[in-house]
């Protein structure tokens, strides 16, 4: 997701409804068009059925996306309980 824009705080929220974010994603708006799917690898093999599923369902794509790095954690950041570790 290199270069993908960050989510932005929704400015259209009312106290109990919103037509822009639907009061989801902690009232942030995510631009799904910024995410491009190229391949899915499960274990050491390409996974065509999952590629087809994610290509047709952008919300599921975002839910299943993981970003891995070997960089040091940002000072002050702590992974959440159950956070997958590389």
N, C-alpha and C. Protein backbone atom coordinates (compact mmCIF):
# COMPACT_ATOMS: atom_id res chain seq x y z
N UNK A 1 0.82 -1.18 0.00
CA UNK A 1 0.00 0.00 0.00
C UNK A 1 0.86 1.25 0.00
N UNK A 2 2.00 1.17 -0.60
CA UNK A 2 2.92 2.30 -0.65
C UNK A 2 2.24 3.46 -1.36
N UNK A 3 2.26 4.62 -0.73
CA UNK A 3 1.68 5.82 -1.33
C UNK A 3 0.18 5.94 -1.17
N UNK A 4 -0.47 4.97 -0.54
CA UNK A 4 -1.92 5.04 -0.36
C UNK A 4 -2.24 6.17 0.62
N UNK A 5 -3.30 6.93 0.35
CA UNK A 5 -3.65 8.02 1.27
C UNK A 5 -4.16 7.47 2.60
N UNK A 6 -3.99 8.24 3.62
CA UNK A 6 -4.49 7.87 4.93
C UNK A 6 -6.00 8.09 4.98
N UNK A 7 -6.65 7.41 5.90
CA UNK A 7 -8.06 7.67 6.12
C UNK A 7 -8.20 9.09 6.65
N UNK A 8 -9.34 9.71 6.35
CA UNK A 8 -9.56 11.07 6.83
C UNK A 8 -10.80 11.09 7.71
N UNK A 9 -10.77 11.94 8.71
CA UNK A 9 -11.89 12.08 9.62
C UNK A 9 -13.11 12.58 8.85
N UNK A 10 -14.25 11.94 9.03
CA UNK A 10 -15.47 12.33 8.34
C UNK A 10 -15.96 13.67 8.90
N UNK A 11 -16.31 14.57 8.00
CA UNK A 11 -16.81 15.89 8.41
C UNK A 11 -18.31 16.00 8.23
N UNK A 12 -18.96 14.92 7.82
CA UNK A 12 -20.40 14.96 7.56
C UNK A 12 -21.24 14.28 8.63
N UNK A 13 -20.60 13.76 9.66
CA UNK A 13 -21.32 12.98 10.68
C UNK A 13 -22.28 13.84 11.49
N UNK A 14 -23.48 13.29 11.67
CA UNK A 14 -24.42 13.85 12.62
C UNK A 14 -24.36 13.02 13.88
N UNK A 15 -25.14 13.34 14.91
CA UNK A 15 -25.06 12.59 16.16
C UNK A 15 -25.44 11.12 16.02
N UNK A 16 -26.37 10.80 15.09
CA UNK A 16 -26.82 9.42 15.00
C UNK A 16 -26.90 8.86 13.58
N UNK A 17 -26.42 9.63 12.58
CA UNK A 17 -26.40 9.09 11.22
C UNK A 17 -25.44 9.88 10.35
N UNK A 18 -24.98 9.20 9.29
CA UNK A 18 -24.08 9.85 8.34
C UNK A 18 -24.19 9.14 7.00
N UNK A 19 -24.34 9.92 5.94
CA UNK A 19 -24.45 9.33 4.61
C UNK A 19 -23.08 9.11 3.97
N UNK A 20 -22.03 9.71 4.53
CA UNK A 20 -20.70 9.55 3.94
C UNK A 20 -19.96 8.33 4.52
N UNK A 21 -19.83 8.24 5.82
CA UNK A 21 -19.08 7.13 6.43
C UNK A 21 -20.00 6.07 7.04
N UNK A 22 -21.29 6.36 7.18
CA UNK A 22 -22.21 5.40 7.78
C UNK A 22 -21.91 5.13 9.25
N UNK A 23 -21.20 6.06 9.90
CA UNK A 23 -20.79 5.93 11.30
C UNK A 23 -19.90 4.70 11.52
N UNK A 24 -19.22 4.24 10.46
CA UNK A 24 -18.32 3.10 10.59
C UNK A 24 -16.87 3.57 10.56
N UNK A 25 -15.95 2.64 10.72
CA UNK A 25 -14.51 2.94 10.71
C UNK A 25 -14.14 4.05 11.69
N UNK A 26 -14.80 4.05 12.84
CA UNK A 26 -14.56 5.08 13.87
C UNK A 26 -14.75 6.48 13.30
N UNK A 27 -15.70 6.58 12.38
CA UNK A 27 -16.07 7.85 11.73
C UNK A 27 -14.94 8.43 10.87
N UNK A 28 -14.20 7.53 10.24
CA UNK A 28 -13.19 7.92 9.26
C UNK A 28 -13.63 7.43 7.88
N UNK A 29 -13.22 8.13 6.85
CA UNK A 29 -13.53 7.76 5.48
C UNK A 29 -12.26 7.20 4.84
N UNK A 30 -12.38 6.01 4.26
CA UNK A 30 -11.25 5.35 3.61
C UNK A 30 -11.51 5.34 2.11
N UNK A 31 -10.55 5.83 1.34
CA UNK A 31 -10.68 5.84 -0.12
C UNK A 31 -10.27 4.48 -0.66
N UNK A 32 -11.25 3.62 -0.98
CA UNK A 32 -10.97 2.26 -1.43
C UNK A 32 -10.27 2.23 -2.79
N UNK A 33 -10.37 3.30 -3.57
CA UNK A 33 -9.74 3.30 -4.89
C UNK A 33 -8.22 3.35 -4.80
N UNK A 34 -7.67 3.61 -3.64
CA UNK A 34 -6.21 3.70 -3.49
C UNK A 34 -5.55 2.34 -3.38
N UNK A 35 -6.32 1.30 -3.18
CA UNK A 35 -5.76 -0.02 -2.96
C UNK A 35 -5.80 -0.83 -4.24
N UNK A 36 -4.66 -1.36 -4.65
CA UNK A 36 -4.56 -2.17 -5.86
C UNK A 36 -4.12 -3.58 -5.48
N UNK A 37 -4.85 -4.56 -5.95
CA UNK A 37 -4.54 -5.96 -5.69
C UNK A 37 -3.80 -6.53 -6.89
N UNK A 38 -2.66 -7.14 -6.64
CA UNK A 38 -1.88 -7.74 -7.72
C UNK A 38 -1.92 -9.25 -7.66
N UNK A 39 -1.59 -9.84 -6.54
CA UNK A 39 -1.56 -11.29 -6.38
C UNK A 39 -1.88 -11.63 -4.94
N UNK A 40 -2.30 -12.88 -4.73
CA UNK A 40 -2.50 -13.42 -3.39
C UNK A 40 -1.61 -14.65 -3.29
N UNK A 41 -0.81 -14.69 -2.23
CA UNK A 41 0.05 -15.83 -1.99
C UNK A 41 -0.32 -16.43 -0.65
N UNK A 42 -0.60 -17.73 -0.65
CA UNK A 42 -0.89 -18.45 0.58
C UNK A 42 0.21 -19.49 0.75
N UNK A 43 0.94 -19.38 1.84
CA UNK A 43 2.11 -20.25 2.01
C UNK A 43 3.15 -19.87 0.98
N UNK A 44 3.44 -20.77 0.07
CA UNK A 44 4.41 -20.47 -0.99
C UNK A 44 3.79 -20.60 -2.38
N UNK A 45 2.44 -20.56 -2.45
CA UNK A 45 1.76 -20.73 -3.74
C UNK A 45 0.78 -19.58 -4.00
N UNK A 46 0.60 -19.26 -5.27
CA UNK A 46 -0.41 -18.27 -5.65
C UNK A 46 -1.79 -18.85 -5.38
N UNK A 47 -2.71 -18.00 -4.91
CA UNK A 47 -4.05 -18.42 -4.51
C UNK A 47 -5.08 -17.74 -5.40
N UNK A 48 -5.39 -18.35 -6.54
CA UNK A 48 -6.30 -17.75 -7.52
C UNK A 48 -7.73 -17.57 -6.99
N UNK A 49 -8.31 -18.55 -6.26
CA UNK A 49 -9.68 -18.32 -5.75
C UNK A 49 -9.78 -17.11 -4.82
N UNK A 50 -8.79 -16.93 -3.95
CA UNK A 50 -8.82 -15.78 -3.05
C UNK A 50 -8.57 -14.49 -3.83
N UNK A 51 -7.71 -14.54 -4.83
CA UNK A 51 -7.48 -13.38 -5.70
C UNK A 51 -8.79 -12.95 -6.35
N UNK A 52 -9.56 -13.91 -6.88
CA UNK A 52 -10.85 -13.59 -7.51
C UNK A 52 -11.82 -12.98 -6.51
N UNK A 53 -11.87 -13.55 -5.29
CA UNK A 53 -12.77 -13.03 -4.25
C UNK A 53 -12.41 -11.59 -3.90
N UNK A 54 -11.14 -11.34 -3.64
CA UNK A 54 -10.72 -10.01 -3.21
C UNK A 54 -10.82 -8.99 -4.34
N UNK A 55 -10.63 -9.43 -5.58
CA UNK A 55 -10.75 -8.52 -6.72
C UNK A 55 -12.19 -8.05 -6.90
N UNK A 56 -13.15 -8.86 -6.45
CA UNK A 56 -14.55 -8.50 -6.62
C UNK A 56 -15.17 -7.86 -5.38
N UNK A 57 -14.41 -7.77 -4.29
CA UNK A 57 -14.96 -7.26 -3.03
C UNK A 57 -13.95 -6.33 -2.34
N UNK A 58 -13.96 -5.03 -2.67
CA UNK A 58 -12.96 -4.11 -2.11
C UNK A 58 -12.98 -4.02 -0.58
N UNK A 59 -14.14 -4.16 0.03
CA UNK A 59 -14.20 -4.10 1.49
C UNK A 59 -13.46 -5.29 2.10
N UNK A 60 -13.67 -6.47 1.54
CA UNK A 60 -12.96 -7.65 2.03
C UNK A 60 -11.46 -7.51 1.79
N UNK A 61 -11.08 -6.89 0.68
CA UNK A 61 -9.67 -6.63 0.40
C UNK A 61 -9.04 -5.81 1.52
N UNK A 62 -9.69 -4.73 1.92
CA UNK A 62 -9.16 -3.89 2.98
C UNK A 62 -9.11 -4.65 4.30
N UNK A 63 -10.14 -5.43 4.58
CA UNK A 63 -10.18 -6.19 5.84
C UNK A 63 -9.03 -7.19 5.94
N UNK A 64 -8.68 -7.80 4.82
CA UNK A 64 -7.65 -8.86 4.84
C UNK A 64 -6.23 -8.35 4.57
N UNK A 65 -6.09 -7.08 4.27
CA UNK A 65 -4.78 -6.55 3.94
C UNK A 65 -3.89 -6.50 5.18
N UNK A 66 -2.66 -6.94 5.01
CA UNK A 66 -1.68 -6.80 6.09
C UNK A 66 -0.42 -6.19 5.50
N UNK A 67 0.21 -5.36 6.28
CA UNK A 67 1.44 -4.72 5.86
C UNK A 67 2.54 -5.22 6.80
N UNK A 68 3.57 -5.79 6.23
CA UNK A 68 4.67 -6.35 7.04
C UNK A 68 5.92 -5.51 6.86
N UNK A 69 6.68 -5.39 7.92
CA UNK A 69 7.94 -4.66 7.86
C UNK A 69 8.88 -5.20 8.92
N UNK A 70 10.16 -4.99 8.70
CA UNK A 70 11.14 -5.35 9.73
C UNK A 70 11.68 -4.09 10.41
N UNK A 71 11.05 -2.95 10.14
CA UNK A 71 11.46 -1.68 10.75
C UNK A 71 11.12 -1.68 12.24
N UNK A 72 11.82 -0.85 12.98
CA UNK A 72 11.55 -0.68 14.41
C UNK A 72 10.18 -0.04 14.61
N UNK A 73 9.54 -0.36 15.73
CA UNK A 73 8.26 0.27 16.06
C UNK A 73 8.47 1.76 16.30
N UNK A 74 7.47 2.54 15.96
CA UNK A 74 7.49 3.96 16.23
C UNK A 74 7.51 4.18 17.74
N UNK A 75 8.38 5.05 18.25
CA UNK A 75 8.41 5.30 19.70
C UNK A 75 7.01 5.68 20.21
N UNK A 76 6.61 5.04 21.30
CA UNK A 76 5.31 5.31 21.89
C UNK A 76 4.20 4.41 21.36
N UNK A 77 4.47 3.65 20.29
CA UNK A 77 3.47 2.75 19.72
C UNK A 77 3.59 1.39 20.36
N UNK A 78 2.46 0.78 20.67
CA UNK A 78 2.46 -0.58 21.20
C UNK A 78 1.45 -1.39 20.39
N UNK A 79 1.84 -2.56 19.89
CA UNK A 79 0.88 -3.39 19.14
C UNK A 79 -0.29 -3.79 20.04
N UNK A 80 -1.47 -3.91 19.45
CA UNK A 80 -2.65 -4.31 20.21
C UNK A 80 -2.54 -5.78 20.60
N UNK A 81 -3.29 -6.19 21.60
CA UNK A 81 -3.30 -7.57 22.05
C UNK A 81 -3.77 -8.45 20.90
N UNK A 82 -2.99 -9.47 20.55
CA UNK A 82 -3.33 -10.37 19.46
C UNK A 82 -2.82 -9.91 18.11
N UNK A 83 -2.08 -8.79 18.07
CA UNK A 83 -1.56 -8.27 16.82
C UNK A 83 -0.60 -9.29 16.20
N UNK A 84 -0.79 -9.66 14.93
CA UNK A 84 0.12 -10.61 14.29
C UNK A 84 1.54 -10.05 14.26
N UNK A 85 2.49 -10.89 14.54
CA UNK A 85 3.90 -10.48 14.51
C UNK A 85 4.59 -11.17 13.35
N UNK A 86 5.48 -10.46 12.71
CA UNK A 86 6.20 -11.01 11.56
C UNK A 86 7.19 -12.06 12.01
